[in-house]
Amino acid sequence: MRVRVDQAKCVASGNCVLTAPEVFDQRVEDGIVVLLDPSPPAELAERVRRAEALCPAGVISIED
């Protein structure tokens, strides 16, 4: 699994951080998504996919 984020389109909702905090974080100054792990382990795959689905701006993309 390979994860990418588009910070330019992020609306700082924080859904990704709440769903998969091992993979996503937010910048303190503006709440924009920060990708902590672009290749998360298989045991996090379901949560990363849920974070992708919950993102209101659609900034998370996943490649298998």
C-alpha atoms as a PDB file:
ATOM      1  CA  MET A   1       0.000   0.000   0.000  1.00  0.00           C
ATOM      2  CA  ARG A   2       1.239   3.450  -0.936  1.00  0.00           C
ATOM      3  CA  VAL A   3      -0.512   6.543   0.455  1.00  0.00           C
ATOM      4  CA  ARG A   4      -0.383  10.068  -0.926  1.00  0.00           C
ATOM      5  CA  VAL A   5      -2.006  13.303   0.207  1.00  0.00           C
ATOM      6  CA  ASP A   6      -2.656  16.591  -1.579  1.00  0.00           C
ATOM      7  CA  GLN A   7      -1.946  19.220   1.058  1.00  0.00           C
ATOM      8  CA  ALA A   8      -3.008  22.025  -1.295  1.00  0.00           C
ATOM      9  CA  LYS A   9      -6.615  20.762  -1.267  1.00  0.00           C
ATOM     10  CA  CYS A  10      -6.814  19.769   2.418  1.00  0.00           C
ATOM     11  CA  VAL A  11      -9.590  21.470   4.416  1.00  0.00           C
ATOM     12  CA  ALA A  12      -8.146  20.484   7.818  1.00  0.00           C
ATOM     13  CA  SER A  13     -11.149  18.470   9.004  1.00  0.00           C
ATOM     14  CA  GLY A  14      -8.940  16.031  10.931  1.00  0.00           C
ATOM     15  CA  ASN A  15     -10.934  12.906  10.039  1.00  0.00           C
ATOM     16  CA  CYS A  16      -7.782  11.174   8.821  1.00  0.00           C
ATOM     17  CA  VAL A  17      -5.939  11.820  12.080  1.00  0.00           C
ATOM     18  CA  LEU A  18      -8.845  10.546  14.150  1.00  0.00           C
ATOM     19  CA  THR A  19      -9.095   7.407  12.005  1.00  0.00           C
ATOM     20  CA  ALA A  20      -5.416   6.524  11.486  1.00  0.00           C
ATOM     21  CA  PRO A  21      -3.130   8.599  13.745  1.00  0.00           C
ATOM     22  CA  GLU A  22      -0.182   6.302  13.011  1.00  0.00           C
ATOM     23  CA  VAL A  23      -0.303   7.407   9.365  1.00  0.00           C
ATOM     24  CA  PHE A  24      -1.665  10.975   9.435  1.00  0.00           C
ATOM     25  CA  ASP A  25      -1.107  14.094  11.508  1.00  0.00           C
ATOM     26  CA  GLN A  26      -1.964  17.774  11.175  1.00  0.00           C
ATOM     27  CA  ARG A  27       0.253  20.853  11.095  1.00  0.00           C
ATOM     28  CA  VAL A  28      -0.165  22.869  14.268  1.00  0.00           C
ATOM     29  CA  GLU A  29      -0.367  26.237  12.531  1.00  0.00           C
ATOM     30  CA  ASP A  30      -3.201  25.477  10.110  1.00  0.00           C
ATOM     31  CA  GLY A  31      -4.412  21.881  10.573  1.00  0.00           C
ATOM     32  CA  ILE A  32      -3.335  20.738   7.113  1.00  0.00           C
ATOM     33  CA  VAL A  33      -2.694  16.998   6.794  1.00  0.00           C
ATOM     34  CA  VAL A  34       0.824  15.638   7.242  1.00  0.00           C
ATOM     35  CA  LEU A  35       1.597  12.142   5.979  1.00  0.00           C
ATOM     36  CA  LEU A  36       3.637  10.314   8.625  1.00  0.00           C
ATOM     37  CA  ASP A  37       3.926   6.952   6.871  1.00  0.00           C
ATOM     38  CA  PRO A  38       3.506   6.713   3.072  1.00  0.00           C
ATOM     39  CA  SER A  39       3.851   2.906   3.224  1.00  0.00           C
ATOM     40  CA  PRO A  40       1.877   1.806   6.287  1.00  0.00           C
ATOM     41  CA  PRO A  41       1.873  -1.841   7.396  1.00  0.00           C
ATOM     42  CA  ALA A  42      -0.912  -4.161   6.266  1.00  0.00           C
ATOM     43  CA  GLU A  43      -2.592  -4.137   9.673  1.00  0.00           C
ATOM     44  CA  LEU A  44      -3.415  -0.436   9.180  1.00  0.00           C
ATOM     45  CA  ALA A  45      -4.856  -0.853   5.674  1.00  0.00           C
ATOM     46  CA  GLU A  46      -8.503  -0.898   6.739  1.00  0.00           C
ATOM     47  CA  ARG A  47      -8.140   2.269   8.833  1.00  0.00           C
ATOM     48  CA  VAL A  48      -6.230   4.065   6.068  1.00  0.00           C
ATOM     49  CA  ARG A  49      -8.981   3.174   3.575  1.00  0.00           C
ATOM     50  CA  ARG A  50     -11.585   4.441   6.038  1.00  0.00           C
ATOM     51  CA  ALA A  51      -9.632   7.706   6.378  1.00  0.00           C
ATOM     52  CA  GLU A  52      -9.616   8.021   2.587  1.00  0.00           C
ATOM     53  CA  ALA A  53     -13.388   7.514   2.484  1.00  0.00           C
ATOM     54  CA  LEU A  54     -14.029   9.993   5.310  1.00  0.00           C
ATOM     55  CA  CYS A  55     -11.918  12.809   3.861  1.00  0.00           C
ATOM     56  CA  PRO A  56     -14.389  15.548   2.831  1.00  0.00           C
ATOM     57  CA  ALA A  57     -11.897  17.064   0.369  1.00  0.00           C
ATOM     58  CA  GLY A  58     -10.778  13.765  -1.162  1.00  0.00           C
ATOM     59  CA  VAL A  59      -7.086  14.539  -0.683  1.00  0.00           C
ATOM     60  CA  ILE A  60      -5.995  11.009   0.257  1.00  0.00           C
ATOM     61  CA  SER A  61      -5.125   8.544  -2.499  1.00  0.00           C
ATOM     62  CA  ILE A  62      -4.075   4.921  -2.095  1.00  0.00           C
ATOM     63  CA  GLU A  63      -2.207   2.643  -4.494  1.00  0.00           C
ATOM     64  CA  ASP A  64      -1.990  -1.081  -3.839  1.00  0.00           C
END
